Protein backbone atom coordinates (compact mmCIF):
# COMPACT_ATOMS: atom_id res chain seq x y z
CA MET A 1 109.54 98.40 105.31
CA THR A 2 105.54 99.35 106.28
CA SER A 3 104.79 101.27 110.17
CA THR A 4 102.79 98.44 110.90
CA GLU A 5 105.17 95.20 110.17
CA PRO A 6 107.06 95.38 113.80
CA ILE A 7 103.67 95.57 114.95
CA SER A 8 102.79 92.26 112.84
CA ARG A 9 105.88 90.45 113.17
CA ALA A 10 105.56 90.58 117.10
CA ASN A 11 101.99 89.76 117.28
CA ALA A 12 103.90 86.62 115.45
CA ALA A 13 106.24 86.26 117.76
CA PHE A 14 103.83 86.91 121.52
CA THR A 15 102.20 84.31 120.46
CA GLY A 16 104.60 80.98 119.97
CA ARG A 17 105.06 78.71 122.79
CA PRO A 18 102.69 76.12 121.64
CA ARG A 19 102.86 73.74 124.93
CA MET A 20 101.45 76.81 127.14
CA ALA A 21 98.56 76.71 125.04
CA ARG A 22 98.29 73.50 124.84
CA PHE A 23 96.70 73.43 128.77
CA GLY A 24 95.71 77.32 128.79
CA TRP A 25 92.01 75.31 128.90
CA LEU A 26 93.16 74.71 132.82
CA PHE A 27 92.96 77.90 133.44
CA GLY A 28 90.02 79.24 132.60
CA GLY A 29 88.60 75.80 133.90
CA ILE A 30 89.63 76.54 136.93
CA TRP A 31 86.66 79.35 137.35
CA LEU A 32 83.98 77.04 135.74
CA PHE A 33 82.89 76.97 140.26
CA TYR A 34 80.38 78.99 138.83
CA LEU A 35 78.45 76.65 136.96
CA VAL A 36 78.18 74.55 140.26
CA ASP A 37 75.55 76.71 141.92
CA PRO A 38 72.93 75.39 138.08
CA ALA A 39 74.53 72.91 137.51
CA GLN A 40 73.40 72.16 141.21
CA VAL A 41 69.42 73.20 140.69
CA ALA A 42 69.25 70.84 137.35
CA TRP A 43 70.23 68.10 138.57
CA GLU A 44 67.35 68.39 141.12
CA GLN A 45 64.45 69.06 138.36
CA ASP A 46 62.03 66.00 138.77
CA ASN A 47 61.10 67.14 134.89
CA VAL A 48 63.85 64.71 132.87
CA VAL A 49 63.41 66.46 129.53
CA LEU A 50 64.00 70.17 131.87
CA ARG A 51 67.43 67.84 133.55
CA VAL A 52 68.40 66.92 130.16
CA LEU A 53 68.27 69.80 128.86
CA GLY A 54 68.99 72.43 131.32
CA LEU A 55 72.74 69.83 132.27
CA ALA A 56 74.05 69.46 128.20
CA ALA A 57 73.71 72.56 128.35
CA LEU A 58 75.54 74.02 131.06
CA LEU A 59 78.19 70.91 129.75
CA ALA A 60 78.39 72.70 126.11
CA PHE A 61 79.03 76.24 127.74
CA ALA A 62 81.36 74.62 130.03
CA LEU A 63 83.29 73.60 126.94
CA TRP A 64 82.68 76.23 124.46
CA TYR A 65 82.83 78.81 127.12
CA LEU A 66 86.31 77.12 127.60
CA GLY A 67 86.67 76.48 123.54
CA ILE A 68 86.59 80.36 123.22
CA PHE A 69 89.02 80.87 126.13
CA THR A 70 91.71 78.23 124.36
CA PHE A 71 91.70 79.69 121.44
CA VAL A 72 91.85 83.86 123.00
CA ARG A 73 94.45 83.13 124.73
CA SER A 74 96.38 81.02 121.83
CA THR A 75 96.36 83.14 119.20
CA ARG A 76 97.37 85.82 122.69
CA PHE A 77 94.03 88.06 122.76
CA ARG A 78 94.58 89.39 119.33
CA LEU A 79 91.85 87.88 118.03
CA TRP A 80 89.42 91.23 118.33
CA GLU A 81 91.88 93.04 115.38
CA ASP A 82 90.55 90.33 113.13
CA GLU A 83 88.40 88.16 113.73
CA VAL A 84 85.13 90.39 115.03
CA ARG A 85 82.18 88.73 112.30
CA ARG A 86 83.45 85.84 114.18
CA SER A 87 84.04 86.89 117.23
CA TRP A 88 80.26 88.04 117.62
CA THR A 89 79.28 84.66 117.09
CA ALA A 90 81.57 83.13 119.17
CA ILE A 91 78.98 85.19 121.91
CA GLY A 92 75.79 84.60 120.07
CA VAL A 93 76.65 80.60 120.91
CA LEU A 94 77.40 81.64 124.56
CA VAL A 95 74.52 83.52 124.73
CA LEU A 96 72.11 80.37 123.19
CA LEU A 97 73.04 78.55 125.62
CA ALA A 98 73.32 80.52 128.63
CA ALA A 99 69.76 80.76 127.55
CA LEU A 100 68.90 77.75 127.34
CA THR A 101 70.21 76.50 130.80
CA VAL A 102 67.37 79.18 132.31
CA PRO A 103 64.10 76.08 132.35
CA ALA A 104 66.21 73.90 134.44
CA SER A 105 68.80 76.35 136.81
CA GLY A 106 65.49 79.44 137.15
CA SER A 107 67.58 82.54 138.53
CA ASN A 108 71.19 80.39 138.98
CA ALA A 109 71.06 80.70 134.82
CA LEU A 110 72.19 83.90 135.56
CA ALA A 111 75.65 82.68 136.60
CA THR A 112 76.22 81.93 133.27
CA PHE A 113 76.39 86.27 133.02
CA VAL A 114 79.79 86.16 134.32
CA TYR A 115 81.25 84.02 131.97
CA ILE A 116 79.68 86.03 128.98
CA SER A 117 81.21 89.11 130.39
CA ALA A 118 84.70 87.14 130.60
CA ALA A 119 84.68 85.72 126.94
CA SER A 120 82.90 89.41 125.31
CA MET A 121 86.16 90.90 126.58
CA MET A 122 88.37 88.34 125.10
CA VAL A 123 87.09 88.56 122.10
CA LEU A 124 85.41 91.38 121.69
CA PRO A 125 86.83 95.17 120.00
CA LEU A 126 87.76 96.75 123.53
CA ARG A 127 84.44 99.21 123.52
CA TYR A 128 82.10 96.81 122.64
CA GLY A 129 83.33 93.67 125.13
CA ILE A 130 82.53 96.69 127.84
CA GLY A 131 79.46 97.29 126.65
CA VAL A 132 78.12 93.75 126.64
CA ALA A 133 80.31 93.43 130.60
CA VAL A 134 78.02 96.46 131.34
CA GLY A 135 74.19 95.68 129.15
CA LEU A 136 74.88 92.18 131.75
CA LEU A 137 74.94 93.76 135.00
CA VAL A 138 72.55 96.06 134.49
CA LEU A 139 70.58 93.44 132.01
CA ALA A 140 71.27 91.36 136.39
CA LEU A 141 70.24 94.49 138.34
CA ALA A 142 67.05 95.16 136.25
CA LEU A 143 66.53 91.11 136.35
CA ASP A 144 66.28 90.87 140.39
CA ALA A 145 64.35 94.07 140.93
CA PHE A 146 61.76 93.82 138.82
CA VAL A 147 61.59 89.74 138.64
CA PRO A 148 59.78 87.60 141.29
CA GLY A 149 61.94 84.57 141.45
CA TYR A 150 65.92 86.48 140.29
CA SER A 151 67.75 86.72 143.12
CA THR A 152 71.57 87.64 141.40
CA GLY A 153 73.20 88.40 144.43
CA ALA A 154 76.28 90.79 145.42
CA GLY A 155 78.53 87.48 144.39
CA LEU A 156 76.57 87.85 140.95
CA ILE A 157 77.44 91.50 140.23
CA PHE A 158 81.24 90.85 141.75
CA GLY A 159 81.93 88.34 139.02
CA ILE A 160 80.71 90.18 136.41
CA VAL A 161 83.08 92.90 137.31
CA VAL A 162 85.75 91.71 138.17
CA SER A 163 85.48 89.11 135.36
CA ALA A 164 85.35 92.25 132.65
CA LEU A 165 88.35 93.73 135.02
CA ALA A 166 90.51 91.41 134.57
CA ILE A 167 90.65 90.42 130.99
CA TRP A 168 90.51 93.89 130.70
CA GLY A 169 93.84 93.88 132.58
CA VAL A 170 94.99 91.14 130.60
CA ARG A 171 94.38 92.65 127.62
CA GLN A 172 96.50 96.17 128.29
CA MET A 173 98.57 94.53 129.55
CA ILE A 174 99.48 91.63 126.39
CA GLU A 175 99.40 95.60 124.16
CA ARG A 176 101.99 96.96 126.13
CA ASN A 177 104.17 93.76 125.78
CA VAL A 178 103.45 94.04 121.78
CA GLN A 179 104.13 97.84 121.86
CA LEU A 180 107.52 96.33 123.09
CA ILE A 181 108.23 93.83 121.64
CA ALA A 182 107.73 96.18 117.85
CA ALA A 183 109.55 99.16 119.36
CA GLN A 184 112.37 96.72 119.51
CA GLU A 185 111.88 95.31 116.94
CA THR A 186 112.45 98.67 115.09
CA VAL A 187 115.48 99.54 116.82
CA THR A 188 116.75 96.74 115.36
CA GLN A 189 115.63 96.46 111.98
CA LEU A 190 117.34 100.16 112.45
CA ALA A 191 120.47 99.32 113.08
CA ILE A 192 120.68 97.17 111.03
CA ALA A 193 119.79 99.69 108.02
CA GLU A 194 122.64 101.60 109.64
CA GLU A 195 125.43 98.87 109.65
CA ARG A 196 124.81 98.34 105.82
CA ALA A 197 125.35 101.97 104.97
CA ARG A 198 127.76 102.61 107.24
CA THR A 199 129.54 98.85 104.61
CA ALA A 200 128.29 100.66 101.55
CA ARG A 201 130.37 103.99 102.65
CA ASP A 202 133.30 102.39 103.51
CA LEU A 203 133.06 100.22 100.25
CA HIS A 204 132.25 102.89 98.16
CA ASP A 205 135.26 105.06 99.87
CA ILE A 206 137.36 102.46 99.67
CA LEU A 207 136.98 100.81 96.54
CA GLY A 208 136.89 104.32 94.72
CA HIS A 209 140.16 105.61 96.00
CA SER A 210 142.13 101.94 95.76
CA LEU A 211 140.41 100.89 92.06
CA THR A 212 141.33 104.71 90.82
CA VAL A 213 144.63 104.18 92.65
CA ILE A 214 145.18 100.75 90.42
CA THR A 215 144.19 102.24 87.28
CA VAL A 216 145.92 104.92 87.18
CA LYS A 217 148.83 102.53 87.97
CA ALA A 218 148.18 100.23 85.54
CA GLU A 219 147.77 102.77 83.09
CA LEU A 220 151.08 103.66 83.35
CA ALA A 221 152.55 100.56 83.64
CA GLY A 222 151.51 100.00 79.95
CA ARG A 223 153.31 103.41 78.85
CA LEU A 224 156.58 102.26 79.87
CA ILE A 225 156.28 98.25 78.90
CA ARG A 226 158.56 99.26 76.00
CA ALA A 227 159.97 102.51 77.19
CA ASP A 228 161.33 102.12 80.62
CA PRO A 229 160.29 97.46 81.35
CA ASP A 230 162.37 98.01 84.45
CA ARG A 231 159.93 100.58 86.14
CA ALA A 232 156.78 99.39 84.80
CA GLU A 233 157.43 96.65 85.94
CA ARG A 234 157.57 97.69 89.51
CA GLU A 235 154.71 99.58 88.40
CA VAL A 236 153.08 95.71 87.76
CA ALA A 237 154.46 94.82 91.27
CA ASP A 238 153.02 98.20 93.15
CA LEU A 239 149.01 97.39 91.64
CA GLU A 240 149.91 93.55 93.10
CA ARG A 241 150.66 94.84 96.65
CA LEU A 242 147.20 97.49 95.72
CA SER A 243 145.23 94.60 95.23
CA ARG A 244 146.22 92.52 97.57
CA GLU A 245 145.60 96.02 100.22
CA ALA A 246 142.52 96.71 98.86
CA LEU A 247 141.28 93.74 99.01
CA ALA A 248 142.53 92.93 103.03
CA ASP A 249 140.32 96.03 103.31
CA VAL A 250 137.47 94.89 101.83
CA ARG A 251 137.28 91.81 104.30
CA ARG A 252 138.64 94.32 106.96
CA THR A 253 135.15 97.14 106.51
CA VAL A 254 132.30 93.99 106.25
CA SER A 255 133.99 92.22 109.90
CA GLY A 256 133.59 96.27 110.88
CA TYR A 257 136.83 96.34 112.04
CA ARG A 258 138.86 98.83 109.79
CA ALA A 259 140.61 101.84 110.59
CA VAL A 260 141.63 104.69 108.71
CA THR A 261 144.30 107.14 110.43
CA LEU A 262 145.50 110.42 108.81
CA ALA A 263 149.00 109.70 108.30
CA GLY A 264 149.00 105.88 106.15
CA GLU A 265 146.20 108.47 103.78
CA ILE A 266 148.67 111.57 103.51
CA VAL A 267 151.55 108.56 101.69
CA SER A 268 148.91 106.77 99.84
CA ALA A 269 147.69 110.38 98.80
CA ARG A 270 151.84 111.39 97.44
CA VAL A 271 151.71 107.42 95.82
CA ALA A 272 148.27 108.09 94.04
CA LEU A 273 149.36 111.82 93.11
CA ASP A 274 152.46 110.87 91.69
CA ALA A 275 151.61 108.23 90.06
CA ALA A 276 148.63 109.72 88.47
CA GLY A 277 151.84 112.42 87.81
CA ILE A 278 149.83 115.70 89.64
CA ASP A 279 151.79 117.46 91.87
CA ALA A 280 150.88 117.38 95.53
CA GLN A 281 151.60 119.61 98.23
CA LEU A 282 151.45 117.71 101.23
CA PRO A 283 151.90 118.14 105.41
CA ILE A 284 154.38 116.92 106.81
CA ALA A 285 153.84 117.07 110.70
CA LEU A 286 150.48 116.07 111.48
CA ASP A 287 151.40 116.91 115.47
CA GLU A 288 148.60 119.37 116.39
CA VAL A 289 145.29 117.26 115.01
CA PRO A 290 143.73 115.85 117.71
CA GLY A 291 144.37 111.69 118.41
CA GLU A 292 139.85 111.50 117.45
CA ARG A 293 139.90 113.41 114.61
CA ARG A 294 142.79 111.32 112.31
CA GLU A 295 140.77 109.11 111.36
CA LEU A 296 137.63 111.61 110.26
CA PHE A 297 140.22 113.60 108.75
CA GLY A 298 141.75 110.56 107.27
CA TRP A 299 138.49 110.13 105.70
CA VAL A 300 138.60 113.73 103.94
CA VAL A 301 142.01 113.04 102.48
CA ARG A 302 140.84 109.94 100.86
CA GLU A 303 138.44 111.30 99.18
CA GLY A 304 139.49 114.56 98.35
CA VAL A 305 142.36 112.62 96.47
CA THR A 306 140.21 110.65 94.63
CA ASN A 307 137.89 113.31 93.39
CA VAL A 308 140.94 115.28 92.55
CA ILE A 309 142.22 111.90 90.85
CA ARG A 310 139.24 111.09 88.74
CA HIS A 311 137.35 114.25 88.02
CA ALA A 312 139.36 116.93 88.11
CA ALA A 313 141.91 117.04 85.35
CA ALA A 314 144.46 118.74 88.14
CA ARG A 315 148.12 119.65 87.44
CA ARG A 316 148.07 120.63 91.52
CA CYS A 317 146.73 119.30 94.44
CA VAL A 318 147.31 121.07 97.57
CA VAL A 319 146.09 118.89 101.60
CA THR A 320 146.07 121.33 104.31
CA VAL A 321 145.37 119.87 108.30
CA ALA A 322 145.36 122.37 111.23
CA ARG A 323 143.97 121.17 114.20
CA GLY A 324 139.85 121.20 113.55
CA CYS A 325 140.09 121.70 109.91
CA VAL A 326 141.18 119.81 106.47
CA GLU A 327 141.22 121.44 103.06
CA VAL A 328 141.77 119.03 99.68
CA ALA A 329 141.87 121.86 96.96
CA ASP A 330 143.65 121.16 93.18
CA ASP A 331 144.05 123.45 90.50
CA GLY A 332 141.65 121.55 87.65
CA ARG A 333 138.09 121.74 86.48
CA GLY A 334 136.89 123.38 89.82
CA ALA A 335 133.03 123.53 90.05
CA VAL A 336 132.27 120.71 87.96
CA ALA A 337 132.74 118.35 90.61
CA ALA A 338 131.04 120.05 93.01
CA SER A 339 127.93 119.84 90.37
CA ALA A 340 127.81 116.00 90.18
CA VAL A 341 124.14 114.43 89.60
CA SER A 342 122.63 112.45 93.18
CA GLY A 343 124.16 108.79 92.16
CA SER A 344 127.28 109.73 90.54
CA GLU A 345 130.70 108.73 91.99
CA LEU A 346 131.29 111.88 92.92
CA GLY A 347 127.78 112.32 94.95
CA ASN A 348 127.96 109.19 96.90
CA GLY A 349 131.58 109.99 97.95
CA LEU A 350 130.44 112.97 98.82
CA THR A 351 127.44 111.86 100.83
CA GLY A 352 128.75 109.31 102.75
CA LEU A 353 131.33 111.48 103.13
CA ARG A 354 128.46 114.37 104.91
CA GLU A 355 127.22 111.44 106.77
CA ARG A 356 130.13 111.00 108.71
CA VAL A 357 130.90 114.53 109.22
CA GLU A 358 127.74 115.53 110.32
CA THR A 359 127.99 112.68 112.68
CA ALA A 360 131.01 113.52 114.39
CA GLY A 361 129.06 117.40 114.77
CA GLY A 362 131.63 118.79 111.72
CA THR A 363 130.42 120.86 108.56
CA LEU A 364 131.53 120.26 104.90
CA VAL A 365 131.63 122.65 102.81
CA VAL A 366 132.83 121.98 98.76
CA GLY A 367 132.99 125.00 96.04
CA ARG A 368 136.05 126.95 94.18
CA SER A 369 139.93 126.90 95.64
CA ASP A 370 141.92 129.18 95.84
CA LEU A 371 144.02 127.26 93.52
CA GLY A 372 141.11 127.56 90.16
CA GLY A 373 139.60 124.58 91.02
CA PHE A 374 137.98 122.12 93.19
CA LEU A 375 137.46 122.58 97.30
CA LEU A 376 136.89 119.60 99.63
CA ARG A 377 136.43 121.48 103.75
CA VAL A 378 135.59 119.97 106.97
CA THR A 379 135.47 122.05 109.91
CA LEU A 380 135.09 120.96 113.31
CA GLY A 381 134.48 122.06 116.50
CA GLY A 382 134.11 126.26 114.91
CA THR A 383 137.27 126.23 114.62
CA ARG A 384 139.77 126.65 110.58
């Protein structure tokens, strides 16, 4: 996802409500009262041509302004970012129509400055919109000072300034709203990504352990079919049970309701190591481990024992659990597993486990054990 995608989607979300946009012209039409005076002056013209030209120009001006207002409002004032050339064209047409009202309305035609100022602030980049508004203000004051018969009055100056400030305020409000929507969407995307990572990590840990045990038991059952059919039958029954449990674990993980317990993982480790023909030295009492740490320690035991069975070619495995530390050690091939390349099953498993440990504020260490094989140690709270 690129950095601009949340803003783009936020703009799209903010441009909804087509029903409100349909009647948006009414809000803009309210402010056309400034055109009453130039329309009245044009209506009173003795010259029919000037009268028709002035009224037609004012009507076209009003309709064009309403068209700009309605279109920009329907896009929630996002036009200035995407259609700068069209925006200048729209303002140019507005200025041209305003100029056509001058012969019939005289100085009263300066009322159109209010709408040109507002429209410029709507559709142009902010610096250009402000420039147009300031230019109109200076032009109105210059006409008042140097052209006989042109009297702008305080009302026109006030209208130009207020219209520009009002649209500027609307733009700032919309910018904040769009940024807020974009931030909310970014948070949502991060939450989705985190949930996907959690699910992928849990599925790897669950299936990695369960399938390893199933594979070992299947190999054992295959060797026992002729030598000891009764035990082979028991192993096959265990395979069915383990398969059902793995399927249930996957379903609970996807639903977000799976819980891992240290005691349960110790029992599973004993069964798996025994099936693999590995001598297991496992803790019996777990009272020393605080309740809030048992789930994490359970994941450590699961990952460590799975790696011993899969990769270590070990004959002995020792699991040690203390209040703030859990270790899984073997006498197998040692650091070979620790150097597993990124993307391997071992590498993915340790990466997921490291994320869990770091989230809990602990540290994960891998290396060579005192038994000569591989060591996996997780420490919490700075104790061992």
